[in-house]
N, C-alpha and C. Protein backbone atom coordinates (compact mmCIF):
# COMPACT_ATOMS: atom_id res chain seq x y z
N MET A 1 -134.86 3.30 -125.88
CA MET A 1 -134.60 1.93 -126.28
C MET A 1 -133.36 1.66 -126.35
N THR A 2 -132.93 0.58 -125.75
CA THR A 2 -131.33 0.43 -125.79
C THR A 2 -131.27 -0.95 -126.97
N LYS A 3 -130.36 -0.98 -127.97
CA LYS A 3 -130.12 -1.96 -128.84
C LYS A 3 -129.92 -3.02 -128.22
N ASN A 4 -130.41 -4.14 -128.83
CA ASN A 4 -130.44 -5.44 -128.58
C ASN A 4 -130.02 -6.50 -129.37
N LEU A 5 -129.93 -6.16 -130.65
CA LEU A 5 -129.91 -7.06 -131.86
C LEU A 5 -128.51 -7.01 -132.06
N GLY A 6 -128.13 -8.28 -132.35
CA GLY A 6 -126.66 -8.49 -133.10
C GLY A 6 -126.85 -8.56 -134.29
N SER A 7 -125.63 -8.63 -135.20
CA SER A 7 -125.47 -8.82 -136.77
C SER A 7 -126.52 -9.92 -137.03
N ALA A 8 -125.77 -11.10 -136.87
CA ALA A 8 -126.49 -12.20 -137.12
C ALA A 8 -127.94 -12.49 -137.10
N ASP A 9 -128.28 -11.80 -135.87
CA ASP A 9 -129.77 -11.80 -135.72
C ASP A 9 -130.71 -10.84 -136.63
N LYS A 10 -130.02 -9.70 -136.96
CA LYS A 10 -130.59 -8.80 -137.74
C LYS A 10 -130.76 -9.32 -139.29
N ILE A 11 -129.54 -9.72 -139.73
CA ILE A 11 -129.70 -10.57 -141.13
C ILE A 11 -130.93 -11.98 -141.06
N ILE A 12 -130.78 -12.84 -140.10
CA ILE A 12 -131.58 -13.65 -139.98
C ILE A 12 -133.40 -13.38 -140.15
N ARG A 13 -133.40 -12.11 -139.14
CA ARG A 13 -134.71 -11.34 -139.19
C ARG A 13 -135.25 -11.01 -140.59
N LEU A 14 -134.04 -10.19 -141.19
CA LEU A 14 -134.49 -9.61 -142.41
C LEU A 14 -134.56 -10.77 -143.64
N VAL A 15 -133.93 -11.96 -143.60
CA VAL A 15 -134.22 -12.88 -144.58
C VAL A 15 -135.52 -13.59 -144.26
N LEU A 16 -135.88 -13.87 -143.04
CA LEU A 16 -137.22 -14.37 -142.94
C LEU A 16 -138.61 -13.31 -143.12
N ALA A 17 -138.05 -12.27 -142.99
CA ALA A 17 -139.25 -11.04 -143.47
C ALA A 17 -139.18 -11.08 -144.74
N VAL A 18 -138.35 -11.26 -145.50
CA VAL A 18 -138.72 -11.24 -147.02
C VAL A 18 -139.19 -12.97 -147.58
N VAL A 19 -138.76 -13.81 -147.10
CA VAL A 19 -139.37 -15.05 -147.28
C VAL A 19 -140.83 -15.03 -147.06
N PHE A 20 -141.24 -14.69 -145.94
CA PHE A 20 -142.64 -14.32 -145.50
C PHE A 20 -143.57 -13.76 -146.57
N GLY A 21 -143.05 -12.54 -146.66
CA GLY A 21 -143.32 -11.61 -147.77
C GLY A 21 -143.67 -12.26 -149.23
N LEU A 22 -142.57 -12.92 -149.49
CA LEU A 22 -142.74 -13.85 -150.96
C LEU A 22 -143.85 -14.51 -150.83
N LEU A 23 -143.74 -15.40 -149.88
CA LEU A 23 -144.86 -16.67 -149.67
C LEU A 23 -146.25 -15.95 -149.71
N TYR A 24 -146.33 -14.94 -148.96
CA TYR A 24 -147.87 -14.30 -148.87
C TYR A 24 -147.93 -13.67 -150.46
N PHE A 25 -147.12 -12.90 -151.01
CA PHE A 25 -147.26 -12.32 -152.24
C PHE A 25 -147.56 -13.20 -153.56
N THR A 26 -146.81 -14.30 -153.37
CA THR A 26 -146.54 -15.05 -154.64
C THR A 26 -148.18 -16.17 -154.50
N GLY A 27 -148.74 -16.05 -153.14
CA GLY A 27 -150.09 -16.99 -153.32
C GLY A 27 -149.73 -18.30 -152.59
N THR A 28 -148.38 -18.44 -152.34
CA THR A 28 -148.06 -20.06 -151.81
C THR A 28 -148.78 -20.17 -150.54
N VAL A 29 -148.70 -19.10 -149.72
CA VAL A 29 -149.70 -19.44 -148.31
C VAL A 29 -150.87 -18.33 -148.45
N GLY A 30 -151.72 -18.72 -147.90
CA GLY A 30 -152.64 -17.48 -147.83
C GLY A 30 -153.82 -17.80 -146.75
N GLY A 31 -154.74 -17.18 -146.60
CA GLY A 31 -155.73 -17.33 -145.52
C GLY A 31 -155.15 -16.69 -144.12
N THR A 32 -155.46 -17.44 -143.00
CA THR A 32 -155.22 -16.70 -141.98
C THR A 32 -153.62 -17.14 -141.33
N LEU A 33 -153.09 -18.13 -142.04
CA LEU A 33 -151.80 -18.22 -141.87
C LEU A 33 -150.91 -17.55 -143.00
N GLY A 34 -151.33 -16.99 -143.84
CA GLY A 34 -150.60 -16.21 -144.71
C GLY A 34 -150.58 -14.87 -144.04
N ILE A 35 -151.83 -14.19 -143.59
CA ILE A 35 -151.74 -12.87 -142.68
C ILE A 35 -151.09 -13.05 -141.62
N VAL A 36 -150.99 -14.25 -140.88
CA VAL A 36 -150.17 -14.29 -139.76
C VAL A 36 -148.62 -14.31 -139.92
N LEU A 37 -148.40 -14.75 -141.07
CA LEU A 37 -146.82 -14.66 -141.73
C LEU A 37 -146.37 -13.22 -142.08
N LEU A 38 -147.52 -12.73 -142.62
CA LEU A 38 -147.42 -11.33 -143.08
C LEU A 38 -146.92 -10.54 -141.88
N VAL A 39 -147.75 -10.55 -140.95
CA VAL A 39 -147.84 -9.78 -139.60
C VAL A 39 -146.13 -10.01 -139.14
N VAL A 40 -146.05 -11.33 -138.99
CA VAL A 40 -144.68 -11.58 -138.31
C VAL A 40 -143.48 -11.14 -139.10
N GLY A 41 -143.45 -11.09 -140.52
CA GLY A 41 -142.87 -10.67 -141.25
C GLY A 41 -142.62 -9.09 -141.36
N ALA A 42 -143.53 -8.23 -141.03
CA ALA A 42 -143.62 -7.00 -140.90
C ALA A 42 -142.66 -6.61 -139.75
N ILE A 43 -143.08 -7.50 -138.57
CA ILE A 43 -142.48 -7.35 -137.23
C ILE A 43 -140.91 -7.67 -137.77
N PHE A 44 -140.76 -8.58 -138.16
CA PHE A 44 -139.19 -9.15 -138.28
C PHE A 44 -138.39 -7.85 -139.30
N LEU A 45 -139.02 -7.26 -140.21
CA LEU A 45 -138.83 -6.41 -141.05
C LEU A 45 -138.46 -5.30 -140.10
N ILE A 46 -139.20 -4.62 -139.21
CA ILE A 46 -139.04 -3.49 -138.44
C ILE A 46 -137.97 -3.40 -137.33
N THR A 47 -137.86 -4.61 -136.57
CA THR A 47 -137.09 -4.62 -135.43
C THR A 47 -135.55 -4.91 -135.83
N PRO A 48 -135.13 -5.10 -137.11
CA PRO A 48 -133.81 -5.03 -137.37
C PRO A 48 -133.28 -3.44 -137.58
N LEU A 49 -134.53 -2.94 -138.33
CA LEU A 49 -134.21 -1.58 -138.73
C LEU A 49 -134.26 -0.46 -137.54
N ILE A 50 -134.56 -0.79 -136.38
CA ILE A 50 -134.48 -0.15 -135.26
C ILE A 50 -133.84 -0.71 -134.21
N ASN A 51 -133.23 -1.91 -134.50
CA ASN A 51 -131.80 -2.43 -133.51
C ASN A 51 -132.70 -2.81 -132.54
N PHE A 52 -133.67 -2.91 -132.04
CA PHE A 52 -134.37 -3.11 -130.76
C PHE A 52 -135.62 -4.22 -131.06
N CYS A 53 -135.40 -5.14 -130.22
CA CYS A 53 -136.54 -6.26 -129.98
C CYS A 53 -137.43 -6.02 -128.71
N PRO A 54 -138.48 -5.73 -128.57
CA PRO A 54 -139.46 -5.44 -127.58
C PRO A 54 -139.33 -7.02 -126.44
N LEU A 55 -139.59 -8.16 -127.25
CA LEU A 55 -139.59 -9.10 -126.48
C LEU A 55 -138.20 -9.74 -125.79
N TYR A 56 -137.03 -9.21 -126.45
CA TYR A 56 -135.94 -9.70 -125.78
C TYR A 56 -135.69 -8.81 -124.45
N LYS A 57 -136.18 -7.31 -124.86
CA LYS A 57 -136.13 -6.59 -123.47
C LYS A 57 -137.13 -7.35 -122.20
N VAL A 58 -138.10 -7.71 -122.55
CA VAL A 58 -138.89 -8.34 -121.69
C VAL A 58 -138.30 -9.47 -120.75
N LEU A 59 -137.48 -10.35 -121.66
CA LEU A 59 -137.02 -11.50 -121.39
C LEU A 59 -135.46 -11.35 -120.90
N GLY A 60 -134.82 -10.03 -121.11
CA GLY A 60 -133.64 -9.98 -120.61
C GLY A 60 -132.49 -10.57 -121.43
N ILE A 61 -132.76 -10.54 -122.67
CA ILE A 61 -131.87 -11.10 -123.74
C ILE A 61 -131.27 -10.07 -124.45
N SER A 62 -129.87 -10.41 -124.91
CA SER A 62 -129.29 -9.26 -125.99
C SER A 62 -128.34 -10.05 -126.69
N THR A 63 -128.52 -10.05 -128.05
CA THR A 63 -127.56 -10.59 -128.71
C THR A 63 -126.49 -9.68 -129.53
N LYS A 64 -126.56 -8.58 -128.81
CA LYS A 64 -125.80 -7.20 -129.36
C LYS A 64 -124.05 -7.68 -128.61
N LYS A 65 -123.01 -7.85 -129.26
CA LYS A 65 -121.87 -7.92 -128.39
C LYS A 65 -121.36 -6.69 -127.87
């Protein structure tokens, strides 16, 4: 796995993961939308930790300088 996430991309993903988690666990968003946000948040939490986004690889995108 080649690293393809830049610093700004990692920070944005981590912030969104925290926001999505807070929305779900505080009960602001529930049901199907809540579960979808929780899954997307988990993906946004994992990708910056491993510095790799599979979708970026498929699309040939890299935000890493």
